[in-house]
mmCIF file of all heavy atoms, coordinates in Angstrom:
data_MODEL
# 
_entry.id   MODEL 
# 
loop_
_atom_site.group_PDB 
_atom_site.id 
_atom_site.type_symbol 
_atom_site.label_atom_id 
_atom_site.label_alt_id 
_atom_site.label_comp_id 
_atom_site.label_asym_id 
_atom_site.label_entity_id 
_atom_site.label_seq_id 
_atom_site.pdbx_PDB_ins_code 
_atom_site.Cartn_x 
_atom_site.Cartn_y 
_atom_site.Cartn_z 
_atom_site.occupancy 
_atom_site.B_iso_or_equiv 
_atom_site.pdbx_formal_charge 
_atom_site.auth_seq_id 
_atom_site.auth_comp_id 
_atom_site.auth_asym_id 
_atom_site.auth_atom_id 
_atom_site.pdbx_PDB_model_num 
ATOM 1   N N   . GLY A 1 1  ? -3.714 1.699   0.771   1.00 0.00 ? 1  GLY A N   1 
ATOM 2   C CA  . GLY A 1 1  ? -4.441 1.706   -0.486  1.00 0.00 ? 1  GLY A CA  1 
ATOM 3   C C   . GLY A 1 1  ? -3.614 2.292   -1.610  1.00 0.00 ? 1  GLY A C   1 
ATOM 4   O O   . GLY A 1 1  ? -2.878 3.256   -1.397  1.00 0.00 ? 1  GLY A O   1 
ATOM 5   N N   . SER A 1 2  ? -3.730 1.684   -2.778  1.00 0.00 ? 2  SER A N   1 
ATOM 6   C CA  . SER A 1 2  ? -2.981 2.138   -3.944  1.00 0.00 ? 2  SER A CA  1 
ATOM 7   C C   . SER A 1 2  ? -3.923 2.443   -5.094  1.00 0.00 ? 2  SER A C   1 
ATOM 8   O O   . SER A 1 2  ? -4.840 1.662   -5.371  1.00 0.00 ? 2  SER A O   1 
ATOM 9   C CB  . SER A 1 2  ? -1.987 1.062   -4.371  1.00 0.00 ? 2  SER A CB  1 
ATOM 10  O OG  . SER A 1 2  ? -1.358 1.432   -5.586  1.00 0.00 ? 2  SER A OG  1 
ATOM 11  N N   . SER A 1 3  ? -3.662 3.543   -5.772  1.00 0.00 ? 3  SER A N   1 
ATOM 12  C CA  . SER A 1 3  ? -4.449 3.903   -6.956  1.00 0.00 ? 3  SER A CA  1 
ATOM 13  C C   . SER A 1 3  ? -3.805 3.353   -8.223  1.00 0.00 ? 3  SER A C   1 
ATOM 14  O O   . SER A 1 3  ? -4.313 3.578   -9.318  1.00 0.00 ? 3  SER A O   1 
ATOM 15  C CB  . SER A 1 3  ? -4.579 5.420   -7.040  1.00 0.00 ? 3  SER A CB  1 
ATOM 16  O OG  . SER A 1 3  ? -3.297 6.023   -7.069  1.00 0.00 ? 3  SER A OG  1 
ATOM 17  N N   . ARG A 1 4  ? -2.715 2.615   -8.088  1.00 0.00 ? 4  ARG A N   1 
ATOM 18  C CA  . ARG A 1 4  ? -1.973 2.093   -9.234  1.00 0.00 ? 4  ARG A CA  1 
ATOM 19  C C   . ARG A 1 4  ? -2.482 0.722   -9.622  1.00 0.00 ? 4  ARG A C   1 
ATOM 20  O O   . ARG A 1 4  ? -3.022 -0.010  -8.807  1.00 0.00 ? 4  ARG A O   1 
ATOM 21  C CB  . ARG A 1 4  ? -0.485 2.042   -8.907  1.00 0.00 ? 4  ARG A CB  1 
ATOM 22  C CG  . ARG A 1 4  ? 0.111  3.407   -8.587  1.00 0.00 ? 4  ARG A CG  1 
ATOM 23  C CD  . ARG A 1 4  ? 1.528  3.277   -8.062  1.00 0.00 ? 4  ARG A CD  1 
ATOM 24  N NE  . ARG A 1 4  ? 2.146  4.577   -7.844  1.00 0.00 ? 4  ARG A NE  1 
ATOM 25  C CZ  . ARG A 1 4  ? 1.963  5.332   -6.779  1.00 0.00 ? 4  ARG A CZ  1 
ATOM 26  N NH1 . ARG A 1 4  ? 1.174  4.896   -5.821  1.00 0.00 ? 4  ARG A NH1 1 
ATOM 27  N NH2 . ARG A 1 4  ? 2.562  6.500   -6.672  1.00 0.00 ? 4  ARG A NH2 1 
ATOM 28  N N   . ASN A 1 5  ? -2.266 0.361   -10.862 1.00 0.00 ? 5  ASN A N   1 
ATOM 29  C CA  . ASN A 1 5  ? -2.724 -0.926  -11.364 1.00 0.00 ? 5  ASN A CA  1 
ATOM 30  C C   . ASN A 1 5  ? -1.600 -1.860  -11.773 1.00 0.00 ? 5  ASN A C   1 
ATOM 31  O O   . ASN A 1 5  ? -1.869 -2.993  -12.174 1.00 0.00 ? 5  ASN A O   1 
ATOM 32  C CB  . ASN A 1 5  ? -3.675 -0.726  -12.547 1.00 0.00 ? 5  ASN A CB  1 
ATOM 33  C CG  . ASN A 1 5  ? -5.007 -0.158  -12.110 1.00 0.00 ? 5  ASN A CG  1 
ATOM 34  O OD1 . ASN A 1 5  ? -5.563 -0.585  -11.105 1.00 0.00 ? 5  ASN A OD1 1 
ATOM 35  N ND2 . ASN A 1 5  ? -5.513 0.799   -12.858 1.00 0.00 ? 5  ASN A ND2 1 
ATOM 36  N N   . ASN A 1 6  ? -0.349 -1.425  -11.671 1.00 0.00 ? 6  ASN A N   1 
ATOM 37  C CA  . ASN A 1 6  ? 0.776  -2.325  -11.973 1.00 0.00 ? 6  ASN A CA  1 
ATOM 38  C C   . ASN A 1 6  ? 1.042  -3.172  -10.747 1.00 0.00 ? 6  ASN A C   1 
ATOM 39  O O   . ASN A 1 6  ? 2.006  -2.991  -10.024 1.00 0.00 ? 6  ASN A O   1 
ATOM 40  C CB  . ASN A 1 6  ? 2.004  -1.523  -12.394 1.00 0.00 ? 6  ASN A CB  1 
ATOM 41  C CG  . ASN A 1 6  ? 2.376  -0.446  -11.418 1.00 0.00 ? 6  ASN A CG  1 
ATOM 42  O OD1 . ASN A 1 6  ? 1.534  0.038   -10.646 1.00 0.00 ? 6  ASN A OD1 1 
ATOM 43  N ND2 . ASN A 1 6  ? 3.644  -0.049  -11.412 1.00 0.00 ? 6  ASN A ND2 1 
ATOM 44  N N   . TYR A 1 7  ? 0.130  -4.110  -10.508 1.00 0.00 ? 7  TYR A N   1 
ATOM 45  C CA  . TYR A 1 7  ? 0.102  -4.819  -9.244  1.00 0.00 ? 7  TYR A CA  1 
ATOM 46  C C   . TYR A 1 7  ? 1.281  -5.746  -9.017  1.00 0.00 ? 7  TYR A C   1 
ATOM 47  O O   . TYR A 1 7  ? 1.400  -6.359  -7.958  1.00 0.00 ? 7  TYR A O   1 
ATOM 48  C CB  . TYR A 1 7  ? -1.213 -5.589  -9.091  1.00 0.00 ? 7  TYR A CB  1 
ATOM 49  C CG  . TYR A 1 7  ? -1.422 -6.703  -10.087 1.00 0.00 ? 7  TYR A CG  1 
ATOM 50  C CD1 . TYR A 1 7  ? -1.056 -8.004  -9.779  1.00 0.00 ? 7  TYR A CD1 1 
ATOM 51  C CD2 . TYR A 1 7  ? -1.986 -6.450  -11.329 1.00 0.00 ? 7  TYR A CD2 1 
ATOM 52  C CE1 . TYR A 1 7  ? -1.249 -9.030  -10.681 1.00 0.00 ? 7  TYR A CE1 1 
ATOM 53  C CE2 . TYR A 1 7  ? -2.177 -7.466  -12.230 1.00 0.00 ? 7  TYR A CE2 1 
ATOM 54  C CZ  . TYR A 1 7  ? -1.803 -8.758  -11.907 1.00 0.00 ? 7  TYR A CZ  1 
ATOM 55  O OH  . TYR A 1 7  ? -1.990 -9.764  -12.824 1.00 0.00 ? 7  TYR A OH  1 
ATOM 56  N N   . GLY A 1 8  ? 2.177  -5.829  -9.981  1.00 0.00 ? 8  GLY A N   1 
ATOM 57  C CA  . GLY A 1 8  ? 3.423  -6.557  -9.753  1.00 0.00 ? 8  GLY A CA  1 
ATOM 58  C C   . GLY A 1 8  ? 4.264  -5.940  -8.652  1.00 0.00 ? 8  GLY A C   1 
ATOM 59  O O   . GLY A 1 8  ? 5.139  -6.606  -8.087  1.00 0.00 ? 8  GLY A O   1 
ATOM 60  N N   . LEU A 1 9  ? 3.991  -4.699  -8.304  1.00 0.00 ? 9  LEU A N   1 
ATOM 61  C CA  . LEU A 1 9  ? 4.738  -4.008  -7.255  1.00 0.00 ? 9  LEU A CA  1 
ATOM 62  C C   . LEU A 1 9  ? 3.971  -3.969  -5.936  1.00 0.00 ? 9  LEU A C   1 
ATOM 63  O O   . LEU A 1 9  ? 4.313  -3.189  -5.050  1.00 0.00 ? 9  LEU A O   1 
ATOM 64  C CB  . LEU A 1 9  ? 5.047  -2.575  -7.717  1.00 0.00 ? 9  LEU A CB  1 
ATOM 65  C CG  . LEU A 1 9  ? 5.883  -2.453  -8.995  1.00 0.00 ? 9  LEU A CG  1 
ATOM 66  C CD1 . LEU A 1 9  ? 6.052  -0.995  -9.390  1.00 0.00 ? 9  LEU A CD1 1 
ATOM 67  C CD2 . LEU A 1 9  ? 7.241  -3.113  -8.810  1.00 0.00 ? 9  LEU A CD2 1 
ATOM 68  N N   . ARG A 1 10 ? 2.967  -4.795  -5.811  1.00 0.00 ? 10 ARG A N   1 
ATOM 69  C CA  . ARG A 1 10 ? 2.050  -4.714  -4.676  1.00 0.00 ? 10 ARG A CA  1 
ATOM 70  C C   . ARG A 1 10 ? 2.699  -4.979  -3.325  1.00 0.00 ? 10 ARG A C   1 
ATOM 71  O O   . ARG A 1 10 ? 2.131  -4.634  -2.299  1.00 0.00 ? 10 ARG A O   1 
ATOM 72  C CB  . ARG A 1 10 ? 0.894  -5.697  -4.865  1.00 0.00 ? 10 ARG A CB  1 
ATOM 73  C CG  . ARG A 1 10 ? 1.331  -7.148  -4.931  1.00 0.00 ? 10 ARG A CG  1 
ATOM 74  C CD  . ARG A 1 10 ? 0.201  -8.034  -5.420  1.00 0.00 ? 10 ARG A CD  1 
ATOM 75  N NE  . ARG A 1 10 ? 0.597  -9.414  -5.524  1.00 0.00 ? 10 ARG A NE  1 
ATOM 76  C CZ  . ARG A 1 10 ? 1.193  -9.926  -6.592  1.00 0.00 ? 10 ARG A CZ  1 
ATOM 77  N NH1 . ARG A 1 10 ? 1.463  -9.167  -7.637  1.00 0.00 ? 10 ARG A NH1 1 
ATOM 78  N NH2 . ARG A 1 10 ? 1.522  -11.212 -6.626  1.00 0.00 ? 10 ARG A NH2 1 
ATOM 79  N N   . SER A 1 11 ? 3.859  -5.582  -3.271  1.00 0.00 ? 11 SER A N   1 
ATOM 80  C CA  . SER A 1 11 ? 4.526  -5.832  -1.988  1.00 0.00 ? 11 SER A CA  1 
ATOM 81  C C   . SER A 1 11 ? 5.443  -4.690  -1.577  1.00 0.00 ? 11 SER A C   1 
ATOM 82  O O   . SER A 1 11 ? 6.080  -4.756  -0.523  1.00 0.00 ? 11 SER A O   1 
ATOM 83  C CB  . SER A 1 11 ? 5.306  -7.142  -2.039  1.00 0.00 ? 11 SER A CB  1 
ATOM 84  O OG  . SER A 1 11 ? 6.354  -7.040  -2.975  1.00 0.00 ? 11 SER A OG  1 
ATOM 85  N N   . SER A 1 12 ? 5.500  -3.660  -2.404  1.00 0.00 ? 12 SER A N   1 
ATOM 86  C CA  . SER A 1 12 ? 6.386  -2.526  -2.137  1.00 0.00 ? 12 SER A CA  1 
ATOM 87  C C   . SER A 1 12 ? 5.647  -1.419  -1.398  1.00 0.00 ? 12 SER A C   1 
ATOM 88  O O   . SER A 1 12 ? 4.541  -1.036  -1.759  1.00 0.00 ? 12 SER A O   1 
ATOM 89  C CB  . SER A 1 12 ? 6.923  -1.981  -3.458  1.00 0.00 ? 12 SER A CB  1 
ATOM 90  O OG  . SER A 1 12 ? 7.609  -0.768  -3.242  1.00 0.00 ? 12 SER A OG  1 
ATOM 91  N N   . LEU A 1 13 ? 6.273  -0.892  -0.359  1.00 0.00 ? 13 LEU A N   1 
ATOM 92  C CA  . LEU A 1 13 ? 5.693  0.224   0.394   1.00 0.00 ? 13 LEU A CA  1 
ATOM 93  C C   . LEU A 1 13 ? 5.349  1.397   -0.522  1.00 0.00 ? 13 LEU A C   1 
ATOM 94  O O   . LEU A 1 13 ? 4.300  2.033   -0.365  1.00 0.00 ? 13 LEU A O   1 
ATOM 95  C CB  . LEU A 1 13 ? 6.664  0.693   1.473   1.00 0.00 ? 13 LEU A CB  1 
ATOM 96  C CG  . LEU A 1 13 ? 6.908  -0.208  2.667   1.00 0.00 ? 13 LEU A CG  1 
ATOM 97  C CD1 . LEU A 1 13 ? 8.120  0.293   3.446   1.00 0.00 ? 13 LEU A CD1 1 
ATOM 98  C CD2 . LEU A 1 13 ? 5.697  -0.280  3.562   1.00 0.00 ? 13 LEU A CD2 1 
ATOM 99  N N   . ASN A 1 14 ? 6.217  1.673   -1.454  1.00 0.00 ? 14 ASN A N   1 
ATOM 100 C CA  . ASN A 1 14 ? 6.073  2.866   -2.290  1.00 0.00 ? 14 ASN A CA  1 
ATOM 101 C C   . ASN A 1 14 ? 4.932  2.763   -3.302  1.00 0.00 ? 14 ASN A C   1 
ATOM 102 O O   . ASN A 1 14 ? 4.579  3.763   -3.928  1.00 0.00 ? 14 ASN A O   1 
ATOM 103 C CB  . ASN A 1 14 ? 7.379  3.139   -3.029  1.00 0.00 ? 14 ASN A CB  1 
ATOM 104 C CG  . ASN A 1 14 ? 8.496  3.522   -2.083  1.00 0.00 ? 14 ASN A CG  1 
ATOM 105 O OD1 . ASN A 1 14 ? 8.260  4.081   -1.023  1.00 0.00 ? 14 ASN A OD1 1 
ATOM 106 N ND2 . ASN A 1 14 ? 9.722  3.213   -2.469  1.00 0.00 ? 14 ASN A ND2 1 
ATOM 107 N N   . TRP A 1 15 ? 4.363  1.575   -3.442  1.00 0.00 ? 15 TRP A N   1 
ATOM 108 C CA  . TRP A 1 15 ? 3.252  1.416   -4.373  1.00 0.00 ? 15 TRP A CA  1 
ATOM 109 C C   . TRP A 1 15 ? 1.962  1.998   -3.821  1.00 0.00 ? 15 TRP A C   1 
ATOM 110 O O   . TRP A 1 15 ? 1.015  2.238   -4.546  1.00 0.00 ? 15 TRP A O   1 
ATOM 111 C CB  . TRP A 1 15 ? 3.064  -0.076  -4.671  1.00 0.00 ? 15 TRP A CB  1 
ATOM 112 C CG  . TRP A 1 15 ? 2.188  -0.391  -5.849  1.00 0.00 ? 15 TRP A CG  1 
ATOM 113 C CD1 . TRP A 1 15 ? 2.407  -0.039  -7.161  1.00 0.00 ? 15 TRP A CD1 1 
ATOM 114 C CD2 . TRP A 1 15 ? 0.979  -1.144  -5.826  1.00 0.00 ? 15 TRP A CD2 1 
ATOM 115 N NE1 . TRP A 1 15 ? 1.386  -0.544  -7.944  1.00 0.00 ? 15 TRP A NE1 1 
ATOM 116 C CE2 . TRP A 1 15 ? 0.513  -1.231  -7.167  1.00 0.00 ? 15 TRP A CE2 1 
ATOM 117 C CE3 . TRP A 1 15 ? 0.246  -1.775  -4.822  1.00 0.00 ? 15 TRP A CE3 1 
ATOM 118 C CZ2 . TRP A 1 15 ? -0.656 -1.921  -7.506  1.00 0.00 ? 15 TRP A CZ2 1 
ATOM 119 C CZ3 . TRP A 1 15 ? -0.923 -2.458  -5.166  1.00 0.00 ? 15 TRP A CZ3 1 
ATOM 120 C CH2 . TRP A 1 15 ? -1.371 -2.520  -6.492  1.00 0.00 ? 15 TRP A CH2 1 
ATOM 121 N N   . TYR A 1 16 ? 1.928  2.216   -2.518  1.00 0.00 ? 16 TYR A N   1 
ATOM 122 C CA  . TYR A 1 16 ? 0.710  2.624   -1.828  1.00 0.00 ? 16 TYR A CA  1 
ATOM 123 C C   . TYR A 1 16 ? 0.705  4.129   -1.564  1.00 0.00 ? 16 TYR A C   1 
ATOM 124 O O   . TYR A 1 16 ? 1.718  4.720   -1.202  1.00 0.00 ? 16 TYR A O   1 
ATOM 125 C CB  . TYR A 1 16 ? 0.568  1.837   -0.525  1.00 0.00 ? 16 TYR A CB  1 
ATOM 126 C CG  . TYR A 1 16 ? 0.381  0.363   -0.788  1.00 0.00 ? 16 TYR A CG  1 
ATOM 127 C CD1 . TYR A 1 16 ? 1.480  -0.479  -0.927  1.00 0.00 ? 16 TYR A CD1 1 
ATOM 128 C CD2 . TYR A 1 16 ? -0.891 -0.174  -0.953  1.00 0.00 ? 16 TYR A CD2 1 
ATOM 129 C CE1 . TYR A 1 16 ? 1.312  -1.829  -1.209  1.00 0.00 ? 16 TYR A CE1 1 
ATOM 130 C CE2 . TYR A 1 16 ? -1.075 -1.525  -1.217  1.00 0.00 ? 16 TYR A CE2 1 
ATOM 131 C CZ  . TYR A 1 16 ? 0.032  -2.348  -1.352  1.00 0.00 ? 16 TYR A CZ  1 
ATOM 132 O OH  . TYR A 1 16 ? -0.141 -3.681  -1.637  1.00 0.00 ? 16 TYR A OH  1 
ATOM 133 N N   . ASP A 1 17 ? -0.476 4.713   -1.758  1.00 0.00 ? 17 ASP A N   1 
ATOM 134 C CA  . ASP A 1 17 ? -0.632 6.158   -1.605  1.00 0.00 ? 17 ASP A CA  1 
ATOM 135 C C   . ASP A 1 17 ? -1.214 6.551   -0.256  1.00 0.00 ? 17 ASP A C   1 
ATOM 136 O O   . ASP A 1 17 ? -0.979 7.660   0.230   1.00 0.00 ? 17 ASP A O   1 
ATOM 137 C CB  . ASP A 1 17 ? -1.600 6.690   -2.683  1.00 0.00 ? 17 ASP A CB  1 
ATOM 138 C CG  . ASP A 1 17 ? -1.201 6.269   -4.079  1.00 0.00 ? 17 ASP A CG  1 
ATOM 139 O OD1 . ASP A 1 17 ? -0.131 6.717   -4.526  1.00 0.00 ? 17 ASP A OD1 1 
ATOM 140 O OD2 . ASP A 1 17 ? -1.951 5.502   -4.713  1.00 0.00 ? 17 ASP A OD2 1 
ATOM 141 N N   . TYR A 1 18 ? -2.016 5.671   0.322   1.00 0.00 ? 18 TYR A N   1 
ATOM 142 C CA  . TYR A 1 18 ? -2.760 6.007   1.528   1.00 0.00 ? 18 TYR A CA  1 
ATOM 143 C C   . TYR A 1 18 ? -2.517 4.950   2.596   1.00 0.00 ? 18 TYR A C   1 
ATOM 144 O O   . TYR A 1 18 ? -2.471 3.757   2.305   1.00 0.00 ? 18 TYR A O   1 
ATOM 145 C CB  . TYR A 1 18 ? -4.262 6.086   1.218   1.00 0.00 ? 18 TYR A CB  1 
ATOM 146 C CG  . TYR A 1 18 ? -4.571 7.045   0.103   1.00 0.00 ? 18 TYR A CG  1 
ATOM 147 C CD1 . TYR A 1 18 ? -4.828 6.575   -1.182  1.00 0.00 ? 18 TYR A CD1 1 
ATOM 148 C CD2 . TYR A 1 18 ? -4.559 8.411   0.315   1.00 0.00 ? 18 TYR A CD2 1 
ATOM 149 C CE1 . TYR A 1 18 ? -5.092 7.455   -2.226  1.00 0.00 ? 18 TYR A CE1 1 
ATOM 150 C CE2 . TYR A 1 18 ? -4.825 9.301   -0.717  1.00 0.00 ? 18 TYR A CE2 1 
ATOM 151 C CZ  . TYR A 1 18 ? -5.083 8.809   -1.982  1.00 0.00 ? 18 TYR A CZ  1 
ATOM 152 O OH  . TYR A 1 18 ? -5.328 9.680   -3.005  1.00 0.00 ? 18 TYR A OH  1 
ATOM 153 N N   . TRP A 1 19 ? -2.406 5.402   3.826   1.00 0.00 ? 19 TRP A N   1 
ATOM 154 C CA  . TRP A 1 19 ? -2.104 4.526   4.955   1.00 0.00 ? 19 TRP A CA  1 
ATOM 155 C C   . TRP A 1 19 ? -3.023 4.840   6.123   1.00 0.00 ? 19 TRP A C   1 
ATOM 156 O O   . TRP A 1 19 ? -3.364 5.993   6.371   1.00 0.00 ? 19 TRP A O   1 
ATOM 157 C CB  . TRP A 1 19 ? -0.660 4.705   5.408   1.00 0.00 ? 19 TRP A CB  1 
ATOM 158 C CG  . TRP A 1 19 ? 0.323  4.218   4.404   1.00 0.00 ? 19 TRP A CG  1 
ATOM 159 C CD1 . TRP A 1 19 ? 0.811  4.902   3.321   1.00 0.00 ? 19 TRP A CD1 1 
ATOM 160 C CD2 . TRP A 1 19 ? 0.941  2.924   4.366   1.00 0.00 ? 19 TRP A CD2 1 
ATOM 161 N NE1 . TRP A 1 19 ? 1.691  4.110   2.613   1.00 0.00 ? 19 TRP A NE1 1 
ATOM 162 C CE2 . TRP A 1 19 ? 1.783  2.887   3.234   1.00 0.00 ? 19 TRP A CE2 1 
ATOM 163 C CE3 . TRP A 1 19 ? 0.851  1.796   5.179   1.00 0.00 ? 19 TRP A CE3 1 
ATOM 164 C CZ2 . TRP A 1 19 ? 2.544  1.774   2.901   1.00 0.00 ? 19 TRP A CZ2 1 
ATOM 165 C CZ3 . TRP A 1 19 ? 1.599  0.678   4.855   1.00 0.00 ? 19 TRP A CZ3 1 
ATOM 166 C CH2 . TRP A 1 19 ? 2.440  0.675   3.723   1.00 0.00 ? 19 TRP A CH2 1 
ATOM 167 N N   . GLY A 1 20 ? -3.395 3.799   6.844   1.00 0.00 ? 20 GLY A N   1 
ATOM 168 C CA  . GLY A 1 20 ? -4.085 3.985   8.106   1.00 0.00 ? 20 GLY A CA  1 
ATOM 169 C C   . GLY A 1 20 ? -3.088 4.226   9.228   1.00 0.00 ? 20 GLY A C   1 
ATOM 170 O O   . GLY A 1 20 ? -1.873 4.223   9.013   1.00 0.00 ? 20 GLY A O   1 
ATOM 171 N N   . GLN A 1 21 ? -3.620 4.408   10.437  1.00 0.00 ? 21 GLN A N   1 
ATOM 172 C CA  . GLN A 1 21 ? -2.778 4.686   11.599  1.00 0.00 ? 21 GLN A CA  1 
ATOM 173 C C   . GLN A 1 21 ? -2.233 3.425   12.257  1.00 0.00 ? 21 GLN A C   1 
ATOM 174 O O   . GLN A 1 21 ? -1.326 3.508   13.089  1.00 0.00 ? 21 GLN A O   1 
ATOM 175 C CB  . GLN A 1 21 ? -3.567 5.502   12.619  1.00 0.00 ? 21 GLN A CB  1 
ATOM 176 C CG  . GLN A 1 21 ? -3.916 6.906   12.134  1.00 0.00 ? 21 GLN A CG  1 
ATOM 177 C CD  . GLN A 1 21 ? -2.671 7.693   11.778  1.00 0.00 ? 21 GLN A CD  1 
ATOM 178 O OE1 . GLN A 1 21 ? -1.781 7.841   12.586  1.00 0.00 ? 21 GLN A OE1 1 
ATOM 179 N NE2 . GLN A 1 21 ? -2.620 8.197   10.548  1.00 0.00 ? 21 GLN A NE2 1 
ATOM 180 N N   . GLY A 1 22 ? -2.781 2.290   11.897  1.00 0.00 ? 22 GLY A N   1 
ATOM 181 C CA  . GLY A 1 22 ? -2.280 1.034   12.434  1.00 0.00 ? 22 GLY A CA  1 
ATOM 182 C C   . GLY A 1 22 ? -3.077 0.532   13.626  1.00 0.00 ? 22 GLY A C   1 
ATOM 183 O O   . GLY A 1 22 ? -3.725 1.302   14.340  1.00 0.00 ? 22 GLY A O   1 
ATOM 184 N N   . THR A 1 23 ? -3.020 -0.772  13.812  1.00 0.00 ? 23 THR A N   1 
ATOM 185 C CA  . THR A 1 23 ? -3.637 -1.414  14.968  1.00 0.00 ? 23 THR A CA  1 
ATOM 186 C C   . THR A 1 23 ? -2.643 -2.405  15.556  1.00 0.00 ? 23 THR A C   1 
ATOM 187 O O   . THR A 1 23 ? -1.990 -3.147  14.816  1.00 0.00 ? 23 THR A O   1 
ATOM 188 C CB  . THR A 1 23 ? -4.971 -2.085  14.581  1.00 0.00 ? 23 THR A CB  1 
ATOM 189 O OG1 . THR A 1 23 ? -5.614 -2.591  15.757  1.00 0.00 ? 23 THR A OG1 1 
ATOM 190 C CG2 . THR A 1 23 ? -4.786 -3.221  13.581  1.00 0.00 ? 23 THR A CG2 1 
ATOM 191 N N   . GLN A 1 24 ? -2.507 -2.406  16.877  1.00 0.00 ? 24 GLN A N   1 
ATOM 192 C CA  . GLN A 1 24 ? -1.496 -3.226  17.543  1.00 0.00 ? 24 GLN A CA  1 
ATOM 193 C C   . GLN A 1 24 ? -1.992 -4.660  17.708  1.00 0.00 ? 24 GLN A C   1 
ATOM 194 O O   . GLN A 1 24 ? -3.111 -4.891  18.186  1.00 0.00 ? 24 GLN A O   1 
ATOM 195 C CB  . GLN A 1 24 ? -1.164 -2.651  18.919  1.00 0.00 ? 24 GLN A CB  1 
ATOM 196 C CG  . GLN A 1 24 ? -0.195 -3.492  19.723  1.00 0.00 ? 24 GLN A CG  1 
ATOM 197 C CD  . GLN A 1 24 ? 1.224  -3.437  19.184  1.00 0.00 ? 24 GLN A CD  1 
ATOM 198 O OE1 . GLN A 1 24 ? 1.784  -2.352  19.012  1.00 0.00 ? 24 GLN A OE1 1 
ATOM 199 N NE2 . GLN A 1 24 ? 1.809  -4.593  18.910  1.00 0.00 ? 24 GLN A NE2 1 
ATOM 200 N N   . VAL A 1 25 ? -1.154 -5.601  17.332  1.00 0.00 ? 25 VAL A N   1 
ATOM 201 C CA  . VAL A 1 25 ? -1.389 -7.020  17.578  1.00 0.00 ? 25 VAL A CA  1 
ATOM 202 C C   . VAL A 1 25 ? -0.264 -7.540  18.451  1.00 0.00 ? 25 VAL A C   1 
ATOM 203 O O   . VAL A 1 25 ? 0.913  -7.342  18.133  1.00 0.00 ? 25 VAL A O   1 
ATOM 204 C CB  . VAL A 1 25 ? -1.456 -7.814  16.257  1.00 0.00 ? 25 VAL A CB  1 
ATOM 205 C CG1 . VAL A 1 25 ? -1.485 -9.311  16.525  1.00 0.00 ? 25 VAL A CG1 1 
ATOM 206 C CG2 . VAL A 1 25 ? -2.672 -7.386  15.446  1.00 0.00 ? 25 VAL A CG2 1 
# 
């Protein structure tokens, strides 16, 4: 999840502030 609105960077890891623990596929 990202609190930022410059969504041109949406594919960048650093744009996101919060992360889940992940689910295995």
